[in-house]
PDB file of all heavy atoms in Angstrom:
ATOM      1  N   ALA A   1      -7.990  10.990  11.564  1.00  0.00           N
ATOM      2  CA  ALA A   1      -8.969  11.236  12.626  1.00  0.00           C
ATOM      3  C   ALA A   1      -8.451  12.281  13.600  1.00  0.00           C
ATOM      4  O   ALA A   1      -9.177  13.191  14.015  1.00  0.00           O
ATOM      5  CB  ALA A   1      -9.244   9.942  13.373  1.00  0.00           C
ATOM      6  N   ALA A   2      -7.152  12.200  13.951  1.00  0.00           N
ATOM      7  CA  ALA A   2      -6.548  13.158  14.918  1.00  0.00           C
ATOM      8  C   ALA A   2      -6.522  14.574  14.319  1.00  0.00           C
ATOM      9  O   ALA A   2      -6.828  15.508  15.025  1.00  0.00           O
ATOM     10  CB  ALA A   2      -5.172  12.718  15.290  1.00  0.00           C
ATOM     11  N   MET A   3      -6.142  14.699  13.041  1.00  0.00           N
ATOM     12  CA  MET A   3      -6.090  16.051  12.486  1.00  0.00           C
ATOM     13  C   MET A   3      -7.496  16.613  12.237  1.00  0.00           C
ATOM     14  O   MET A   3      -7.690  17.819  12.264  1.00  0.00           O
ATOM     15  CB  MET A   3      -5.305  15.971  11.153  1.00  0.00           C
ATOM     16  CG  MET A   3      -3.832  15.728  11.345  1.00  0.00           C
ATOM     17  SD  MET A   3      -3.044  16.933  12.420  1.00  0.00           S
ATOM     18  CE  MET A   3      -3.016  18.359  11.336  1.00  0.00           C
ATOM     19  N   THR A   4      -8.461  15.764  12.007  1.00  0.00           N
ATOM     20  CA  THR A   4      -9.833  16.264  11.822  1.00  0.00           C
ATOM     21  C   THR A   4     -10.283  16.930  13.116  1.00  0.00           C
ATOM     22  O   THR A   4     -10.872  17.996  13.124  1.00  0.00           O
ATOM     23  CB  THR A   4     -10.785  15.133  11.461  1.00  0.00           C
ATOM     24  OG1 THR A   4     -10.429  14.579  10.187  1.00  0.00           O
ATOM     25  CG2 THR A   4     -12.248  15.578  11.471  1.00  0.00           C
ATOM     26  N   ARG A   5      -9.995  16.302  14.262  1.00  0.00           N
ATOM     27  CA  ARG A   5     -10.334  16.857  15.521  1.00  0.00           C
ATOM     28  C   ARG A   5      -9.562  18.156  15.805  1.00  0.00           C
ATOM     29  O   ARG A   5     -10.079  19.132  16.292  1.00  0.00           O
ATOM     30  CB  ARG A   5     -10.071  15.861  16.660  1.00  0.00           C
ATOM     31  CG  ARG A   5     -11.004  14.629  16.657  1.00  0.00           C
ATOM     32  CD  ARG A   5     -10.860  13.791  17.901  1.00  0.00           C
ATOM     33  NE  ARG A   5      -9.516  13.218  18.003  1.00  0.00           N
ATOM     34  CZ  ARG A   5      -9.147  12.053  17.568  1.00  0.00           C
ATOM     35  NH1 ARG A   5     -10.062  11.320  16.903  1.00  0.00           N
ATOM     36  NH2 ARG A   5      -7.903  11.649  17.723  1.00  0.00           N
ATOM     37  N   ARG A   6      -8.267  18.155  15.462  1.00  0.00           N
ATOM     38  CA  ARG A   6      -7.422  19.287  15.753  1.00  0.00           C
ATOM     39  C   ARG A   6      -7.665  20.486  14.862  1.00  0.00           C
ATOM     40  O   ARG A   6      -7.737  21.631  15.346  1.00  0.00           O
ATOM     41  CB  ARG A   6      -5.970  18.846  15.602  1.00  0.00           C
ATOM     42  CG  ARG A   6      -4.967  19.996  15.765  1.00  0.00           C
ATOM     43  CD  ARG A   6      -3.525  19.494  15.512  1.00  0.00           C
ATOM     44  NE  ARG A   6      -2.598  20.558  15.286  1.00  0.00           N
ATOM     45  CZ  ARG A   6      -1.388  20.434  14.828  1.00  0.00           C
ATOM     46  NH1 ARG A   6      -0.925  19.199  14.530  1.00  0.00           N
ATOM     47  NH2 ARG A   6      -0.566  21.497  14.668  1.00  0.00           N
ATOM     48  N   VAL A   7      -7.890  20.246  13.589  1.00  0.00           N
ATOM     49  CA  VAL A   7      -8.033  21.326  12.605  1.00  0.00           C
ATOM     50  C   VAL A   7      -9.442  21.903  12.561  1.00  0.00           C
ATOM     51  O   VAL A   7      -9.649  23.070  12.316  1.00  0.00           O
ATOM     52  CB  VAL A   7      -7.596  20.859  11.229  1.00  0.00           C
ATOM     53  CG1 VAL A   7      -7.738  21.964  10.163  1.00  0.00           C
ATOM     54  CG2 VAL A   7      -6.137  20.401  11.282  1.00  0.00           C
ATOM     55  N   GLY A   8     -10.412  21.002  12.834  1.00  0.00           N
ATOM     56  CA  GLY A   8     -11.809  21.471  12.761  1.00  0.00           C
ATOM     57  C   GLY A   8     -12.444  21.293  11.383  1.00  0.00           C
ATOM     58  O   GLY A   8     -13.582  21.751  11.187  1.00  0.00           O
ATOM     59  N   VAL A   9     -11.728  20.737  10.409  1.00  0.00           N
ATOM     60  CA  VAL A   9     -12.247  20.417   9.106  1.00  0.00           C
ATOM     61  C   VAL A   9     -11.923  18.938   8.836  1.00  0.00           C
ATOM     62  O   VAL A   9     -10.922  18.395   9.377  1.00  0.00           O
ATOM     63  CB  VAL A   9     -11.691  21.289   7.963  1.00  0.00           C
ATOM     64  CG1 VAL A   9     -12.069  22.746   8.202  1.00  0.00           C
ATOM     65  CG2 VAL A   9     -10.175  21.159   7.862  1.00  0.00           C
ATOM     66  N   ARG A  10     -12.694  18.296   8.018  1.00  0.00           N
ATOM     67  CA  ARG A  10     -12.531  16.858   7.799  1.00  0.00           C
ATOM     68  C   ARG A  10     -11.231  16.579   7.003  1.00  0.00           C
ATOM     69  O   ARG A  10     -11.041  17.174   5.934  1.00  0.00           O
ATOM     70  CB  ARG A  10     -13.689  16.271   7.069  1.00  0.00           C
ATOM     71  CG  ARG A  10     -13.550  14.783   6.745  1.00  0.00           C
ATOM     72  CD  ARG A  10     -14.838  14.200   6.283  1.00  0.00           C
ATOM     73  NE  ARG A  10     -14.688  12.895   5.599  1.00  0.00           N
ATOM     74  CZ  ARG A  10     -14.358  11.764   6.199  1.00  0.00           C
ATOM     75  NH1 ARG A  10     -14.134  11.731   7.506  1.00  0.00           N
ATOM     76  NH2 ARG A  10     -14.227  10.642   5.511  1.00  0.00           N
ATOM     77  N   VAL A  11     -10.383  15.674   7.488  1.00  0.00           N
ATOM     78  CA  VAL A  11      -9.257  15.124   6.766  1.00  0.00           C
ATOM     79  C   VAL A  11      -9.685  13.695   6.492  1.00  0.00           C
ATOM     80  O   VAL A  11      -9.791  12.856   7.391  1.00  0.00           O
ATOM     81  CB  VAL A  11      -7.975  15.169   7.555  1.00  0.00           C
ATOM     82  CG1 VAL A  11      -6.846  14.541   6.748  1.00  0.00           C
ATOM     83  CG2 VAL A  11      -7.612  16.634   7.872  1.00  0.00           C
ATOM     84  N   GLU A  12      -9.913  13.386   5.247  1.00  0.00           N
ATOM     85  CA  GLU A  12     -10.465  12.069   4.882  1.00  0.00           C
ATOM     86  C   GLU A  12      -9.314  11.063   4.694  1.00  0.00           C
ATOM     87  O   GLU A  12      -8.319  11.298   4.054  1.00  0.00           O
ATOM     88  CB  GLU A  12     -11.209  12.136   3.564  1.00  0.00           C
ATOM     89  CG  GLU A  12     -11.833  10.816   3.095  1.00  0.00           C
ATOM     90  CD  GLU A  12     -12.636  10.972   1.811  1.00  0.00           C
ATOM     91  OE1 GLU A  12     -13.236  12.043   1.660  1.00  0.00           O
ATOM     92  OE2 GLU A  12     -12.623  10.014   1.021  1.00  0.00           O
ATOM     93  N   PRO A  13      -9.443   9.877   5.348  1.00  0.00           N
ATOM     94  CA  PRO A  13      -8.419   8.854   5.119  1.00  0.00           C
ATOM     95  C   PRO A  13      -8.447   8.325   3.718  1.00  0.00           C
ATOM     96  O   PRO A  13      -9.513   7.934   3.160  1.00  0.00           O
ATOM     97  CB  PRO A  13      -8.834   7.734   6.103  1.00  0.00           C
ATOM     98  CG  PRO A  13     -10.244   7.977   6.443  1.00  0.00           C
ATOM     99  CD  PRO A  13     -10.485   9.419   6.275  1.00  0.00           C
ATOM    100  N   LEU A  14      -7.300   8.282   3.031  1.00  0.00           N
ATOM    101  CA  LEU A  14      -7.143   7.742   1.704  1.00  0.00           C
ATOM    102  C   LEU A  14      -5.760   7.087   1.664  1.00  0.00           C
ATOM    103  O   LEU A  14      -4.730   7.762   1.583  1.00  0.00           O
ATOM    104  CB  LEU A  14      -7.233   8.874   0.651  1.00  0.00           C
ATOM    105  CG  LEU A  14      -7.470   8.394  -0.811  1.00  0.00           C
ATOM    106  CD1 LEU A  14      -8.794   7.776  -0.966  1.00  0.00           C
ATOM    107  CD2 LEU A  14      -7.252   9.586  -1.761  1.00  0.00           C
ATOM    108  N   LEU A  15      -5.751   5.779   1.876  1.00  0.00           N
ATOM    109  CA  LEU A  15      -4.508   5.070   2.002  1.00  0.00           C
ATOM    110  C   LEU A  15      -3.743   5.057   0.688  1.00  0.00           C
ATOM    111  O   LEU A  15      -4.252   5.391  -0.386  1.00  0.00           O
ATOM    112  CB  LEU A  15      -4.731   3.644   2.493  1.00  0.00           C
ATOM    113  CG  LEU A  15      -5.506   3.475   3.818  1.00  0.00           C
ATOM    114  CD1 LEU A  15      -5.619   2.041   4.173  1.00  0.00           C
ATOM    115  CD2 LEU A  15      -4.780   4.231   4.945  1.00  0.00           C
ATOM    116  N   GLN A  16      -2.443   4.684   0.795  1.00  0.00           N
ATOM    117  CA  GLN A  16      -1.661   4.592  -0.433  1.00  0.00           C
ATOM    118  C   GLN A  16      -2.177   3.483  -1.294  1.00  0.00           C
ATOM    119  O   GLN A  16      -3.196   2.790  -0.979  1.00  0.00           O
ATOM    120  CB  GLN A  16      -0.187   4.432  -0.070  1.00  0.00           C
ATOM    121  CG  GLN A  16       0.416   5.640   0.582  1.00  0.00           C
ATOM    122  CD  GLN A  16       1.885   5.853   0.338  1.00  0.00           C
ATOM    123  OE1 GLN A  16       2.398   5.514  -0.727  1.00  0.00           O
ATOM    124  NE2 GLN A  16       2.605   6.384   1.329  1.00  0.00           N
ATOM    125  N   ALA A  17      -1.605   3.225  -2.445  1.00  0.00           N
ATOM    126  CA  ALA A  17      -2.249   2.354  -3.454  1.00  0.00           C
ATOM    127  C   ALA A  17      -1.217   1.588  -4.244  1.00  0.00           C
ATOM    128  O   ALA A  17       0.020   1.744  -4.066  1.00  0.00           O
ATOM    129  CB  ALA A  17      -3.076   3.224  -4.380  1.00  0.00           C
ATOM    130  N   THR A  18      -1.730   0.786  -5.134  1.00  0.00           N
ATOM    131  CA  THR A  18      -0.871  -0.078  -5.979  1.00  0.00           C
ATOM    132  C   THR A  18      -1.418  -0.103  -7.399  1.00  0.00           C
ATOM    133  O   THR A  18      -2.585   0.261  -7.626  1.00  0.00           O
ATOM    134  CB  THR A  18      -0.784  -1.496  -5.452  1.00  0.00           C
ATOM    135  OG1 THR A  18       0.197  -2.243  -6.217  1.00  0.00           O
ATOM    136  CG2 THR A  18      -2.126  -2.222  -5.527  1.00  0.00           C
ATOM    137  N   ASP A  19      -0.583  -0.514  -8.367  1.00  0.00           N
ATOM    138  CA  ASP A  19      -1.010  -0.628  -9.754  1.00  0.00           C
ATOM    139  C   ASP A  19      -1.103  -2.144 -10.063  1.00  0.00           C
ATOM    140  O   ASP A  19      -0.097  -2.828 -10.283  1.00  0.00           O
ATOM    141  CB  ASP A  19       0.012   0.020 -10.653  1.00  0.00           C
ATOM    142  CG  ASP A  19      -0.395  -0.065 -12.162  1.00  0.00           C
ATOM    143  OD1 ASP A  19      -1.456  -0.578 -12.413  1.00  0.00           O
ATOM    144  OD2 ASP A  19       0.444   0.366 -12.959  1.00  0.00           O
ATOM    145  N   PRO A  20      -2.317  -2.696 -10.126  1.00  0.00           N
ATOM    146  CA  PRO A  20      -2.496  -4.115 -10.394  1.00  0.00           C
ATOM    147  C   PRO A  20      -1.923  -4.550 -11.726  1.00  0.00           C
ATOM    148  O   PRO A  20      -1.740  -5.705 -11.974  1.00  0.00           O
ATOM    149  CB  PRO A  20      -4.016  -4.320 -10.310  1.00  0.00           C
ATOM    150  CG  PRO A  20      -4.523  -3.177  -9.522  1.00  0.00           C
ATOM    151  CD  PRO A  20      -3.653  -2.016  -9.878  1.00  0.00           C
ATOM    152  N   ARG A  21      -1.732  -3.639 -12.642  1.00  0.00           N
ATOM    153  CA  ARG A  21      -1.146  -3.967 -13.941  1.00  0.00           C
ATOM    154  C   ARG A  21       0.303  -4.448 -13.799  1.00  0.00           C
ATOM    155  O   ARG A  21       0.765  -5.209 -14.623  1.00  0.00           O
ATOM    156  CB  ARG A  21      -1.212  -2.786 -14.898  1.00  0.00           C
ATOM    157  CG  ARG A  21      -2.663  -2.449 -15.339  1.00  0.00           C
ATOM    158  CD  ARG A  21      -2.735  -1.062 -15.932  1.00  0.00           C
ATOM    159  NE  ARG A  21      -4.096  -0.794 -16.365  1.00  0.00           N
ATOM    160  CZ  ARG A  21      -5.141  -0.489 -15.577  1.00  0.00           C
ATOM    161  NH1 ARG A  21      -4.878  -0.400 -14.295  1.00  0.00           N
ATOM    162  NH2 ARG A  21      -6.323  -0.283 -16.050  1.00  0.00           N
ATOM    163  N   ARG A  22       0.969  -3.913 -12.830  1.00  0.00           N
ATOM    164  CA  ARG A  22       2.385  -4.356 -12.584  1.00  0.00           C
ATOM    165  C   ARG A  22       2.549  -5.266 -11.368  1.00  0.00           C
ATOM    166  O   ARG A  22       3.458  -6.078 -11.347  1.00  0.00           O
ATOM    167  CB  ARG A  22       3.269  -3.114 -12.377  1.00  0.00           C
ATOM    168  CG  ARG A  22       3.518  -2.289 -13.599  1.00  0.00           C
ATOM    169  CD  ARG A  22       4.774  -1.403 -13.450  1.00  0.00           C
ATOM    170  NE  ARG A  22       4.874  -0.756 -12.193  1.00  0.00           N
ATOM    171  CZ  ARG A  22       4.295   0.334 -11.805  1.00  0.00           C
ATOM    172  NH1 ARG A  22       3.566   0.994 -12.704  1.00  0.00           N
ATOM    173  NH2 ARG A  22       4.461   0.891 -10.628  1.00  0.00           N
ATOM    174  N   PHE A  23       1.684  -5.126 -10.406  1.00  0.00           N
ATOM    175  CA  PHE A  23       1.820  -5.934  -9.204  1.00  0.00           C
ATOM    176  C   PHE A  23       0.671  -6.918  -9.053  1.00  0.00           C
ATOM    177  O   PHE A  23      -0.459  -6.538  -8.655  1.00  0.00           O
ATOM    178  CB  PHE A  23       1.849  -4.987  -7.995  1.00  0.00           C
ATOM    179  CG  PHE A  23       3.080  -4.088  -8.029  1.00  0.00           C
ATOM    180  CD1 PHE A  23       2.991  -2.784  -8.457  1.00  0.00           C
ATOM    181  CD2 PHE A  23       4.324  -4.559  -7.564  1.00  0.00           C
ATOM    182  CE1 PHE A  23       4.086  -1.964  -8.552  1.00  0.00           C
ATOM    183  CE2 PHE A  23       5.468  -3.742  -7.610  1.00  0.00           C
ATOM    184  CZ  PHE A  23       5.336  -2.436  -8.071  1.00  0.00           C
ATOM    185  N   HIS A  24       0.936  -8.133  -9.431  1.00  0.00           N
ATOM    186  CA  HIS A  24      -0.030  -9.216  -9.337  1.00  0.00           C
ATOM    187  C   HIS A  24       0.719 -10.518  -9.246  1.00  0.00           C
ATOM    188  O   HIS A  24       1.895 -10.635  -9.617  1.00  0.00           O
ATOM    189  CB  HIS A  24      -0.982  -9.189 -10.549  1.00  0.00           C
ATOM    190  CG  HIS A  24      -0.249  -9.266 -11.879  1.00  0.00           C
ATOM    191  ND1 HIS A  24       0.174 -10.429 -12.441  1.00  0.00           N
ATOM    192  CD2 HIS A  24       0.146  -8.281 -12.708  1.00  0.00           C
ATOM    193  CE1 HIS A  24       0.782 -10.178 -13.588  1.00  0.00           C
ATOM    194  NE2 HIS A  24       0.772  -8.894 -13.751  1.00  0.00           N
ATOM    195  N   PRO A  25       0.096 -11.572  -8.768  1.00  0.00           N
ATOM    196  CA  PRO A  25       0.797 -12.864  -8.505  1.00  0.00           C
ATOM    197  C   PRO A  25       1.376 -13.535  -9.688  1.00  0.00           C
ATOM    198  O   PRO A  25       2.281 -14.420  -9.570  1.00  0.00           O
ATOM    199  CB  PRO A  25      -0.290 -13.739  -7.837  1.00  0.00           C
ATOM    200  CG  PRO A  25      -1.231 -12.763  -7.250  1.00  0.00           C
ATOM    201  CD  PRO A  25      -1.299 -11.632  -8.188  1.00  0.00           C
ATOM    202  N   ASP A  26       0.965 -13.200 -10.905  1.00  0.00           N
ATOM    203  CA  ASP A  26       1.410 -13.901 -12.093  1.00  0.00           C
ATOM    204  C   ASP A  26       2.782 -13.328 -12.596  1.00  0.00           C
ATOM    205  O   ASP A  26       3.311 -13.879 -13.582  1.00  0.00           O
ATOM    206  CB  ASP A  26       0.402 -13.761 -13.245  1.00  0.00           C
ATOM    207  CG  ASP A  26      -0.895 -14.484 -12.911  1.00  0.00           C
ATOM    208  OD1 ASP A  26      -0.902 -15.444 -12.144  1.00  0.00           O
ATOM    209  OD2 ASP A  26      -1.951 -14.061 -13.477  1.00  0.00           O
ATOM    210  N   VAL A  27       3.357 -12.366 -11.903  1.00  0.00           N
ATOM    211  CA  VAL A  27       4.580 -11.776 -12.384  1.00  0.00           C
ATOM    212  C   VAL A  27       5.783 -12.731 -12.170  1.00  0.00           C
ATOM    213  O   VAL A  27       6.856 -12.539 -12.813  1.00  0.00           O
ATOM    214  CB  VAL A  27       4.878 -10.391 -11.719  1.00  0.00           C
ATOM    215  CG1 VAL A  27       3.862  -9.386 -12.186  1.00  0.00           C
ATOM    216  CG2 VAL A  27       4.855 -10.537 -10.231  1.00  0.00           C
ATOM    217  N   ALA A  28       5.723 -13.708 -11.274  1.00  0.00           N
ATOM    218  CA  ALA A  28       6.797 -14.601 -10.960  1.00  0.00           C
ATOM    219  C   ALA A  28       6.294 -15.779 -10.200  1.00  0.00           C
ATOM    220  O   ALA A  28       5.186 -15.765  -9.647  1.00  0.00           O
ATOM    221  CB  ALA A  28       7.906 -13.884 -10.183  1.00  0.00           C
ATOM    222  N   GLU A  29       7.157 -16.792 -10.114  1.00  0.00           N
ATOM    223  CA  GLU A  29       6.836 -17.978  -9.289  1.00  0.00           C
ATOM    224  C   GLU A  29       7.293 -17.736  -7.855  1.00  0.00           C
ATOM    225  O   GLU A  29       8.384 -17.183  -7.594  1.00  0.00           O
ATOM    226  CB  GLU A  29       7.582 -19.178  -9.829  1.00  0.00           C
ATOM    227  CG  GLU A  29       7.003 -19.748 -11.111  1.00  0.00           C
ATOM    228  CD  GLU A  29       5.586 -20.232 -10.990  1.00  0.00           C
ATOM    229  OE1 GLU A  29       5.282 -20.849  -9.970  1.00  0.00           O
ATOM    230  OE2 GLU A  29       4.769 -19.983 -11.896  1.00  0.00           O
ATOM    231  N   PRO A  30       6.439 -18.039  -6.857  1.00  0.00           N
ATOM    232  CA  PRO A  30       6.815 -17.774  -5.455  1.00  0.00           C
ATOM    233  C   PRO A  30       7.943 -18.682  -5.035  1.00  0.00           C
ATOM    234  O   PRO A  30       8.186 -19.782  -5.579  1.00  0.00           O
ATOM    235  CB  PRO A  30       5.534 -18.139  -4.670  1.00  0.00           C
ATOM    236  CG  PRO A  30       4.787 -19.122  -5.563  1.00  0.00           C
ATOM    237  CD  PRO A  30       5.079 -18.664  -6.978  1.00  0.00           C
ATOM    238  N   ASP A  31       8.750 -18.136  -4.089  1.00  0.00           N
ATOM    239  CA  ASP A  31       9.880 -18.886  -3.473  1.00  0.00           C
ATOM    240  C   ASP A  31      10.951 -19.345  -4.460  1.00  0.00           C
ATOM    241  O   ASP A  31      11.609 -20.322  -4.269  1.00  0.00           O
ATOM    242  CB  ASP A  31       9.319 -20.111  -2.707  1.00  0.00           C
ATOM    243  CG  ASP A  31       8.330 -19.749  -1.650  1.00  0.00           C
ATOM    244  OD1 ASP A  31       8.498 -18.677  -0.995  1.00  0.00           O
ATOM    245  OD2 ASP A  31       7.330 -20.469  -1.534  1.00  0.00           O
ATOM    246  N   THR A  32      11.140 -18.577  -5.499  1.00  0.00           N
ATOM    247  CA  THR A  32      12.240 -18.793  -6.473  1.00  0.00           C
ATOM    248  C   THR A  32      13.340 -17.800  -6.285  1.00  0.00           C
ATOM    249  O   THR A  32      14.353 -17.888  -7.042  1.00  0.00           O
ATOM    250  CB  THR A  32      11.688 -18.797  -7.910  1.00  0.00           C
ATOM    251  OG1 THR A  32      11.091 -17.510  -8.170  1.00  0.00           O
ATOM    252  CG2 THR A  32      10.691 -19.899  -8.129  1.00  0.00           C
ATOM    253  N   GLY A  33      13.163 -16.811  -5.398  1.00  0.00           N
ATOM    254  CA  GLY A  33      14.190 -15.813  -5.185  1.00  0.00           C
ATOM    255  C   GLY A  33      14.919 -15.983  -3.859  1.00  0.00           C
ATOM    256  O   GLY A  33      14.956 -17.094  -3.328  1.00  0.00           O
ATOM    257  N   PRO A  34      15.419 -14.880  -3.293  1.00  0.00           N
ATOM    258  CA  PRO A  34      16.146 -14.990  -2.057  1.00  0.00           C
ATOM    259  C   PRO A  34      15.263 -15.283  -0.879  1.00  0.00           C
ATOM    260  O   PRO A  34      14.074 -15.144  -0.927  1.00  0.00           O
ATOM    261  CB  PRO A  34      16.754 -13.543  -1.943  1.00  0.00           C
ATOM    262  CG  PRO A  34      15.809 -12.711  -2.715  1.00  0.00           C
ATOM    263  CD  PRO A  34      15.351 -13.522  -3.843  1.00  0.00           C
ATOM    264  N   GLN A  35      15.893 -15.779   0.217  1.00  0.00           N
ATOM    265  CA  GLN A  35      15.140 -16.043   1.451  1.00  0.00           C
ATOM    266  C   GLN A  35      14.391 -14.790   1.912  1.00  0.00           C
ATOM    267  O   GLN A  35      13.246 -14.859   2.343  1.00  0.00           O
ATOM    268  CB  GLN A  35      16.024 -16.607   2.554  1.00  0.00           C
ATOM    269  CG  GLN A  35      15.336 -16.790   3.868  1.00  0.00           C
ATOM    270  CD  GLN A  35      16.273 -17.097   5.017  1.00  0.00           C
ATOM    271  OE1 GLN A  35      17.476 -17.037   4.850  1.00  0.00           O
ATOM    272  NE2 GLN A  35      15.733 -17.386   6.169  1.00  0.00           N
ATOM    273  N   ALA A  36      15.136 -13.668   1.858  1.00  0.00           N
ATOM    274  CA  ALA A  36      14.594 -12.355   2.297  1.00  0.00           C
ATOM    275  C   ALA A  36      15.078 -11.297   1.365  1.00  0.00           C
ATOM    276  O   ALA A  36      16.224 -11.355   0.911  1.00  0.00           O
ATOM    277  CB  ALA A  36      14.948 -12.085   3.732  1.00  0.00           C
ATOM    278  N   LEU A  37      14.233 -10.267   1.113  1.00  0.00           N
ATOM    279  CA  LEU A  37      14.575  -9.159   0.222  1.00  0.00           C
ATOM    280  C   LEU A  37      14.257  -7.849   0.859  1.00  0.00           C
ATOM    281  O   LEU A  37      13.229  -7.712   1.550  1.00  0.00           O
ATOM    282  CB  LEU A  37      13.769  -9.323  -1.094  1.00  0.00           C
ATOM    283  CG  LEU A  37      13.878  -8.197  -2.089  1.00  0.00           C
ATOM    284  CD1 LEU A  37      15.216  -8.134  -2.749  1.00  0.00           C
ATOM    285  CD2 LEU A  37      12.764  -8.329  -3.174  1.00  0.00           C
ATOM    286  N   PHE A  38      15.149  -6.867   0.684  1.00  0.00           N
ATOM    287  CA  PHE A  38      14.868  -5.506   1.115  1.00  0.00           C
ATOM    288  C   PHE A  38      15.173  -4.612  -0.062  1.00  0.00           C
ATOM    289  O   PHE A  38      16.284  -4.680  -0.641  1.00  0.00           O
ATOM    290  CB  PHE A  38      15.670  -5.118   2.315  1.00  0.00           C
ATOM    291  CG  PHE A  38      15.385  -3.709   2.773  1.00  0.00           C
ATOM    292  CD1 PHE A  38      14.379  -3.471   3.704  1.00  0.00           C
ATOM    293  CD2 PHE A  38      16.143  -2.590   2.319  1.00  0.00           C
ATOM    294  CE1 PHE A  38      14.056  -2.190   4.157  1.00  0.00           C
ATOM    295  CE2 PHE A  38      15.833  -1.306   2.728  1.00  0.00           C
ATOM    296  CZ  PHE A  38      14.816  -1.116   3.658  1.00  0.00           C
TER     297      PHE A  38
END
């Protein structure tokens, strides 16, 4: 929104994304890993 106002042409928001084929809840059991992960 800020760059659209500044530049004078539309900059459309398009957020980042994920691949549901690899990232979905069935990949592992919850709370079976570390308390916190980075």
